[in-house]
Protein backbone atom coordinates (compact mmCIF):
# COMPACT_ATOMS: atom_id res chain seq x y z
CA UNK A 1 24.67 -14.48 16.98
CA UNK A 2 25.59 -17.54 19.02
CA UNK A 3 23.28 -20.50 18.60
CA UNK A 4 23.43 -21.00 22.39
CA UNK A 5 22.12 -17.48 23.06
CA UNK A 6 18.66 -18.98 23.09
CA UNK A 7 17.45 -22.54 23.67
CA UNK A 8 16.48 -23.99 20.30
CA UNK A 9 14.71 -27.33 20.46
CA UNK A 10 14.35 -27.74 16.71
CA UNK A 11 15.11 -26.15 13.36
CA UNK A 12 14.24 -24.14 11.36
CA UNK A 13 13.55 -21.20 13.65
CA UNK A 14 13.29 -17.45 13.39
CA UNK A 15 15.04 -15.46 16.08
CA UNK A 16 14.21 -11.78 16.55
CA UNK A 17 16.55 -9.54 18.56
CA UNK A 18 14.05 -7.20 20.20
CA UNK A 19 16.67 -5.50 22.36
CA UNK A 20 18.80 -4.65 19.32
CA UNK A 21 15.70 -3.54 17.43
CA UNK A 22 14.72 -1.16 20.22
CA UNK A 23 18.19 0.41 20.24
CA UNK A 24 18.04 0.80 16.46
CA UNK A 25 14.60 2.43 16.35
CA UNK A 26 15.55 4.82 19.16
CA UNK A 27 18.49 6.10 17.09
CA UNK A 28 16.26 6.50 14.03
CA UNK A 29 13.61 8.37 16.01
CA UNK A 30 16.17 10.80 17.45
CA UNK A 31 17.71 11.41 14.01
CA UNK A 32 14.42 12.33 12.35
CA UNK A 33 13.74 15.40 14.51
CA UNK A 34 10.26 16.73 13.71
CA UNK A 35 9.50 14.25 10.92
CA UNK A 36 6.75 11.78 11.80
CA UNK A 37 7.84 8.15 11.80
CA UNK A 38 5.30 5.47 10.88
CA UNK A 39 6.43 1.83 10.66
CA UNK A 40 5.30 -0.06 7.54
CA UNK A 41 3.73 -3.21 8.99
CA UNK A 42 4.10 -5.04 5.68
CA UNK A 43 7.83 -5.41 6.34
CA UNK A 44 7.21 -7.61 9.37
CA UNK A 45 3.91 -7.55 11.29
CA UNK A 46 5.06 -9.88 14.08
CA UNK A 47 3.20 -8.81 17.23
CA UNK A 48 6.32 -8.70 19.41
CA UNK A 49 8.10 -6.52 16.85
CA UNK A 50 5.12 -4.15 16.72
CA UNK A 51 5.08 -3.89 20.53
CA UNK A 52 8.82 -3.19 20.59
CA UNK A 53 8.52 -0.41 18.03
CA UNK A 54 5.34 1.21 19.35
CA UNK A 55 6.91 3.49 22.00
CA UNK A 56 9.30 4.95 19.42
CA UNK A 57 7.04 5.57 16.41
CA UNK A 58 4.21 7.97 15.70
CA UNK A 59 2.09 5.22 14.24
CA UNK A 60 1.84 2.20 11.96
CA UNK A 61 1.20 2.16 8.20
CA UNK A 62 -1.05 -0.66 6.99
CA UNK A 63 -2.08 -1.72 3.51
CA UNK A 64 -5.03 -4.05 4.00
CA UNK A 65 -8.01 -4.65 6.24
CA UNK A 66 -6.24 -7.68 7.66
CA UNK A 67 -3.18 -5.64 8.61
CA UNK A 68 -5.39 -2.92 10.06
CA UNK A 69 -7.30 -5.37 12.28
CA UNK A 70 -4.06 -7.08 13.36
CA UNK A 71 -2.38 -3.80 14.30
CA UNK A 72 -5.44 -2.50 16.14
CA UNK A 73 -5.69 -5.74 18.12
CA UNK A 74 -1.97 -5.67 18.96
CA UNK A 75 -1.63 -1.90 19.52
CA UNK A 76 -5.13 -0.55 20.19
CA UNK A 77 -3.92 2.94 21.15
CA UNK A 78 -1.40 3.45 18.33
CA UNK A 79 -2.43 5.63 15.34
CA UNK A 80 -2.61 4.02 11.92
CA UNK A 81 -2.53 5.24 8.33
CA UNK A 82 -4.10 3.16 5.58
CA UNK A 83 -2.52 2.93 2.11
CA UNK A 84 -2.22 0.63 -0.86
CA UNK A 85 -4.06 0.15 -4.17
CA UNK A 86 -7.24 -1.86 -4.62
CA UNK A 87 -9.04 -1.02 -1.39
CA UNK A 88 -12.42 -2.71 -1.08
CA UNK A 89 -15.51 -0.90 0.16
CA UNK A 90 -15.22 -2.86 3.41
CA UNK A 91 -11.62 -1.73 3.83
CA UNK A 92 -12.52 1.88 3.13
CA UNK A 93 -15.16 1.68 5.87
CA UNK A 94 -12.58 0.28 8.29
CA UNK A 95 -9.99 2.83 7.18
CA UNK A 96 -12.13 5.80 8.22
CA UNK A 97 -10.93 5.16 11.76
CA UNK A 98 -7.32 5.62 10.62
CA UNK A 99 -5.64 8.97 11.15
CA UNK A 100 -5.04 9.22 7.39
CA UNK A 101 -6.24 7.35 4.30
CA UNK A 102 -3.94 7.43 1.27
CA UNK A 103 -6.32 7.74 -1.68
CA UNK A 104 -5.09 5.99 -4.82
CA UNK A 105 -7.60 7.07 -7.49
CA UNK A 106 -10.60 9.32 -8.19
CA UNK A 107 -12.91 6.30 -8.13
CA UNK A 108 -11.55 5.28 -4.73
CA UNK A 109 -12.26 8.79 -3.45
CA UNK A 110 -15.79 8.61 -4.91
CA UNK A 111 -16.39 5.32 -3.04
CA UNK A 112 -15.02 6.77 0.18
CA UNK A 113 -17.10 9.96 0.12
CA UNK A 114 -20.55 8.44 0.95
CA UNK A 115 -19.11 6.70 4.02
CA UNK A 116 -18.80 9.93 6.02
CA UNK A 117 -15.96 12.07 7.29
CA UNK A 118 -12.37 11.07 6.59
CA UNK A 119 -8.89 12.59 6.61
CA UNK A 120 -6.94 11.89 3.43
CA UNK A 121 -3.71 12.29 1.55
CA UNK A 122 -3.75 11.90 -2.23
CA UNK A 123 -1.11 9.52 -3.52
CA UNK A 124 0.85 11.06 -6.37
CA UNK A 125 2.59 9.13 -9.15
CA UNK A 126 4.92 11.85 -10.37
CA UNK A 127 7.08 11.53 -13.52
CA UNK A 128 10.36 11.91 -11.65
CA UNK A 129 13.34 9.75 -12.61
CA UNK A 130 14.93 7.72 -9.81
CA UNK A 131 18.33 6.46 -11.03
CA UNK A 132 19.80 3.49 -9.12
CA UNK A 133 16.51 2.65 -7.43
CA UNK A 134 16.04 -1.02 -6.58
CA UNK A 135 12.32 -0.67 -7.26
CA UNK A 136 10.21 2.10 -8.76
CA UNK A 137 6.64 2.46 -7.50
CA UNK A 138 5.02 3.44 -10.77
CA UNK A 139 2.26 1.74 -12.74
CA UNK A 140 -0.86 1.22 -10.59
CA UNK A 141 0.43 3.18 -7.62
CA UNK A 142 -0.95 6.66 -7.11
CA UNK A 143 -2.17 9.22 -9.63
CA UNK A 144 -0.82 11.48 -12.31
CA UNK A 145 -1.59 15.20 -12.21
CA UNK A 146 -4.79 14.86 -14.25
CA UNK A 147 -6.21 12.34 -11.78
CA UNK A 148 -5.07 14.44 -8.83
CA UNK A 149 -6.89 17.43 -10.29
CA UNK A 150 -9.98 15.27 -10.71
CA UNK A 151 -9.79 14.37 -7.03
CA UNK A 152 -9.47 18.04 -6.12
CA UNK A 153 -12.64 18.75 -8.09
CA UNK A 154 -14.47 15.88 -6.34
CA UNK A 155 -13.43 17.20 -2.95
CA UNK A 156 -15.23 20.50 -3.55
CA UNK A 157 -18.53 18.58 -3.42
CA UNK A 158 -17.59 16.56 -0.33
CA UNK A 159 -16.62 18.83 2.57
CA UNK A 160 -16.74 15.84 4.93
CA UNK A 161 -13.47 14.64 3.34
CA UNK A 162 -10.51 16.70 4.53
CA UNK A 163 -7.46 16.88 2.28
CA UNK A 164 -4.29 17.20 4.36
CA UNK A 165 -1.55 16.61 1.81
CA UNK A 166 0.24 14.39 -0.68
CA UNK A 167 1.66 10.89 -0.36
CA UNK A 168 4.50 10.18 -2.80
CA UNK A 169 6.49 6.99 -2.33
CA UNK A 170 8.21 6.75 -5.72
CA UNK A 171 11.18 4.41 -5.27
CA UNK A 172 12.93 1.96 -2.98
CA UNK A 173 16.57 1.11 -2.37
CA UNK A 174 17.96 4.65 -2.38
CA UNK A 175 20.63 6.08 -0.08
CA UNK A 176 20.04 9.21 1.98
CA UNK A 177 21.40 11.77 -0.54
CA UNK A 178 19.28 10.30 -3.35
CA UNK A 179 16.19 10.15 -1.15
CA UNK A 180 16.63 13.75 -0.07
CA UNK A 181 17.03 14.91 -3.67
CA UNK A 182 13.83 13.08 -4.55
CA UNK A 183 12.01 14.51 -1.50
CA UNK A 184 12.91 18.07 -2.50
CA UNK A 185 11.63 17.51 -6.04
CA UNK A 186 8.38 16.07 -4.70
CA UNK A 187 7.96 19.04 -2.38
CA UNK A 188 8.72 21.45 -5.22
CA UNK A 189 5.67 20.13 -7.06
CA UNK A 190 3.38 19.18 -4.17
CA UNK A 191 3.45 22.27 -1.98
CA UNK A 192 2.29 24.76 -4.67
CA UNK A 193 -0.36 22.27 -5.81
CA UNK A 194 -1.68 21.88 -2.27
CA UNK A 195 -1.66 25.63 -1.73
CA UNK A 196 -3.79 25.99 -4.85
CA UNK A 197 -6.30 23.58 -3.30
CA UNK A 198 -6.51 25.71 -0.13
CA UNK A 199 -4.50 23.36 2.11
CA UNK A 200 -2.99 25.71 4.69
CA UNK A 201 -0.90 23.26 6.75
CA UNK A 202 0.32 20.79 4.14
CA UNK A 203 1.53 17.29 4.94
CA UNK A 204 4.02 15.43 2.78
CA UNK A 205 4.32 11.66 3.22
CA UNK A 206 7.44 10.37 1.46
CA UNK A 207 6.90 6.69 2.22
CA UNK A 208 9.80 4.31 2.80
CA UNK A 209 12.37 2.72 0.52
CA UNK A 210 15.55 3.42 2.49
CA UNK A 211 18.39 1.31 1.10
CA UNK A 212 19.30 -1.94 2.85
CA UNK A 213 22.57 -3.46 1.58
CA UNK A 214 22.42 -7.25 1.94
CA UNK A 215 25.94 -7.66 0.54
CA UNK A 216 27.41 -5.14 3.00
CA UNK A 217 25.15 -5.25 6.08
CA UNK A 218 27.31 -2.74 7.95
CA UNK A 219 26.63 -0.15 5.26
CA UNK A 220 23.59 1.48 6.89
CA UNK A 221 21.24 4.23 5.78
CA UNK A 222 22.31 7.68 7.02
CA UNK A 223 19.30 8.58 9.18
CA UNK A 224 20.99 11.63 10.69
CA UNK A 225 21.59 13.44 7.40
CA UNK A 226 18.18 12.36 6.09
CA UNK A 227 16.41 13.77 9.14
CA UNK A 228 18.37 17.00 8.92
CA UNK A 229 17.54 17.35 5.24
CA UNK A 230 13.83 16.69 5.71
CA UNK A 231 13.68 19.40 8.36
CA UNK A 232 14.36 21.96 5.61
CA UNK A 233 11.11 21.17 3.78
CA UNK A 234 8.47 23.81 4.71
CA UNK A 235 5.74 21.29 5.48
CA UNK A 236 4.87 18.55 7.95
CA UNK A 237 6.87 15.55 6.73
CA UNK A 238 6.20 11.88 7.41
CA UNK A 239 8.03 8.71 6.39
CA UNK A 240 7.03 5.02 6.46
CA UNK A 241 10.14 2.81 6.57
CA UNK A 242 9.87 -0.92 7.10
CA UNK A 243 12.79 -3.01 5.82
CA UNK A 244 15.43 -0.52 7.01
CA UNK A 245 14.07 -0.81 10.56
CA UNK A 246 13.66 -4.54 11.09
CA UNK A 247 15.86 -6.34 8.52
CA UNK A 248 18.97 -6.27 10.70
CA UNK A 249 17.35 -7.84 13.75
CA UNK A 250 16.14 -11.21 12.53
CA UNK A 251 17.83 -14.55 11.82
CA UNK A 252 16.57 -17.69 10.13
CA UNK A 253 18.43 -20.58 11.76
CA UNK A 254 18.46 -24.08 10.31
CA UNK A 255 20.56 -27.24 10.03
CA UNK A 256 22.22 -29.29 7.31
CA UNK A 257 20.34 -32.36 6.08
CA UNK A 258 22.65 -33.49 3.30
CA UNK A 259 25.80 -32.59 1.37
CA UNK A 260 26.15 -33.73 -2.23
CA UNK A 261 28.28 -33.06 -5.30
CA UNK A 262 26.66 -33.08 -8.73
CA UNK A 263 28.66 -32.43 -11.93
CA UNK A 264 31.45 -30.99 -9.84
CA UNK A 265 29.25 -28.57 -7.87
CA UNK A 266 28.63 -28.95 -4.13
CA UNK A 267 25.16 -28.47 -2.70
CA UNK A 268 24.34 -28.05 0.98
CA UNK A 269 20.74 -29.13 1.51
CA UNK A 270 19.18 -27.40 4.50
CA UNK A 271 16.05 -28.07 6.47
CA UNK A 272 13.34 -25.61 5.45
CA UNK A 273 13.81 -23.40 2.42
CA UNK A 274 12.65 -20.30 0.62
CA UNK A 275 9.05 -21.15 1.53
CA UNK A 276 10.18 -19.85 4.94
CA UNK A 277 12.66 -17.20 3.77
CA UNK A 278 11.72 -15.86 0.35
CA UNK A 279 13.95 -12.78 0.56
CA UNK A 280 16.93 -14.05 -1.51
CA UNK A 281 14.62 -15.17 -4.34
CA UNK A 282 12.67 -11.92 -4.48
CA UNK A 283 15.75 -9.71 -4.16
CA UNK A 284 17.95 -11.89 -6.38
CA UNK A 285 20.88 -12.01 -3.99
CA UNK A 286 22.81 -14.40 -1.78
CA UNK A 287 21.34 -14.20 1.70
CA UNK A 288 24.14 -13.39 4.18
CA UNK A 289 24.81 -16.18 6.68
CA UNK A 290 27.06 -17.51 9.42
CA UNK A 291 28.06 -21.12 10.02
CA UNK A 292 27.66 -21.62 13.76
CA UNK A 293 28.94 -25.12 14.49
CA UNK A 294 32.18 -25.70 12.58
CA UNK A 295 35.12 -23.99 10.93
CA UNK A 296 37.97 -24.91 8.64
CA UNK A 297 39.25 -24.42 5.08
CA UNK A 298 36.51 -22.93 2.93
CA UNK A 299 35.37 -24.05 -0.51
CA UNK A 300 32.49 -23.04 -2.83
CA UNK A 301 29.03 -24.50 -2.35
CA UNK A 302 25.40 -23.59 -2.98
CA UNK A 303 22.98 -23.48 -0.05
CA UNK A 304 19.52 -24.80 -0.94
CA UNK A 305 16.34 -25.89 0.83
CA UNK A 306 14.00 -28.86 0.63
CA UNK A 307 11.64 -27.65 -2.08
CA UNK A 308 11.10 -29.38 -5.43
CA UNK A 309 12.26 -26.41 -7.48
CA UNK A 310 15.72 -25.27 -8.64
CA UNK A 311 14.78 -21.78 -7.46
CA UNK A 312 14.92 -22.86 -3.80
CA UNK A 313 18.34 -21.23 -3.30
CA UNK A 314 19.50 -19.23 -0.28
CA UNK A 315 23.01 -18.49 -1.56
CA UNK A 316 24.87 -19.62 -4.69
CA UNK A 317 28.60 -20.37 -5.01
CA UNK A 318 29.52 -19.09 -1.58
CA UNK A 319 32.49 -20.11 0.56
CA UNK A 320 31.74 -22.46 3.46
CA UNK A 321 33.83 -24.65 5.77
CA UNK A 322 33.43 -28.46 5.58
CA UNK A 323 29.80 -29.16 6.49
CA UNK A 324 28.08 -32.37 7.52
CA UNK A 325 24.49 -33.21 8.49
CA UNK A 326 23.59 -31.53 11.76
CA UNK A 327 25.73 -28.44 11.29
CA UNK A 328 23.84 -25.20 11.94
CA UNK A 329 23.64 -22.13 9.72
CA UNK A 330 22.09 -18.78 10.65
CA UNK A 331 20.90 -16.55 7.82
CA UNK A 332 21.21 -12.95 8.90
CA UNK A 333 19.25 -9.90 7.67
CA UNK A 334 16.03 -11.93 7.98
CA UNK A 335 13.92 -9.46 9.95
CA UNK A 336 11.93 -7.98 7.04
CA UNK A 337 10.01 -9.31 4.03
CA UNK A 338 11.07 -12.81 4.99
CA UNK A 339 8.60 -15.12 6.72
CA UNK A 340 5.55 -12.97 6.08
CA UNK A 341 5.94 -12.92 2.26
CA UNK A 342 6.92 -16.58 1.87
CA UNK A 343 4.76 -19.32 0.37
CA UNK A 344 4.40 -21.23 3.63
CA UNK A 345 2.27 -24.15 2.50
CA UNK A 346 4.18 -25.26 -0.57
CA UNK A 347 4.95 -28.99 0.01
CA UNK A 348 3.39 -28.63 3.49
CA UNK A 349 6.67 -28.78 5.40
CA UNK A 350 6.54 -27.90 9.13
CA UNK A 351 6.55 -24.20 9.88
CA UNK A 352 9.49 -22.66 11.77
CA UNK A 353 9.51 -21.82 15.45
CA UNK A 354 9.81 -18.22 16.64
CA UNK A 355 12.05 -17.02 19.47
CA UNK A 356 12.76 -13.58 20.88
CA UNK A 357 15.85 -12.05 22.48
CA UNK A 358 14.78 -9.33 24.90
């Protein structure tokens, strides 16, 4: 990205490449064949991003009443599915207008039943090992087989609730071969179980979790082989990626405020901080970046923000050219789980601007 590609009046600023995002989602959609593609709004619910994705997805996955209202306001004609643990009664009432509700527990199903008709998937927490996963979605997410059987029993008394299938998002950060292996194991359990419950046209929602490599951004998830592999499952399949769609198409651009050396280590202090871009802290990595305004012999330095905490680090011990106040740095891979999960009001610094490349 060239800093002159868009007129920036001040820093920090987020820049979203909507044209690149549209090309990317079109390739994903074509690769997935008959698999339904729902975008996980939690990754980045920016309204312009949602509008860019809408023509290429089958719907949007939301995980709160706030997300649901935001998506419906932004994309009133786009289908939604509602997931996530800890749904309130008010959210369950709102969720009945979604095309699917992902039920997380027997008690949640019991609270949903009196509200009227609804179309549901039961979220399964299956005891399947996921080696090399960046994150396993165990613990409070979904149900074991005993709880699933309890839900099946409850459903016999509530014909207004239609069971369509199983939701099983078990891990994140897996490549396509590992995700396919996991999908087949989920299907091996889920399809006989659903048949036993009288579900004739089963749906299998495998969630998201496609690997995004921040150290090697050009190492992309193999959507083509994943789509081909999913087509072999004898059920209606659906996925809900988020990070793997939008991460590559956002930048956080800021400028140097100060350069200092302490105990032999060089620190580049940048305007803004991880209260704007929390990704490197949550993922525990160096956020990839480009220096836009200077070049020269490189030496190690640590890139930090303005916050009063030693955890306010974008990238540690990375090579940079000689930098002085006013130089501009663009952090790449900032299109997902970046601004929207950051603690914006800590120290009450100004919020970043937002710009869009169309």
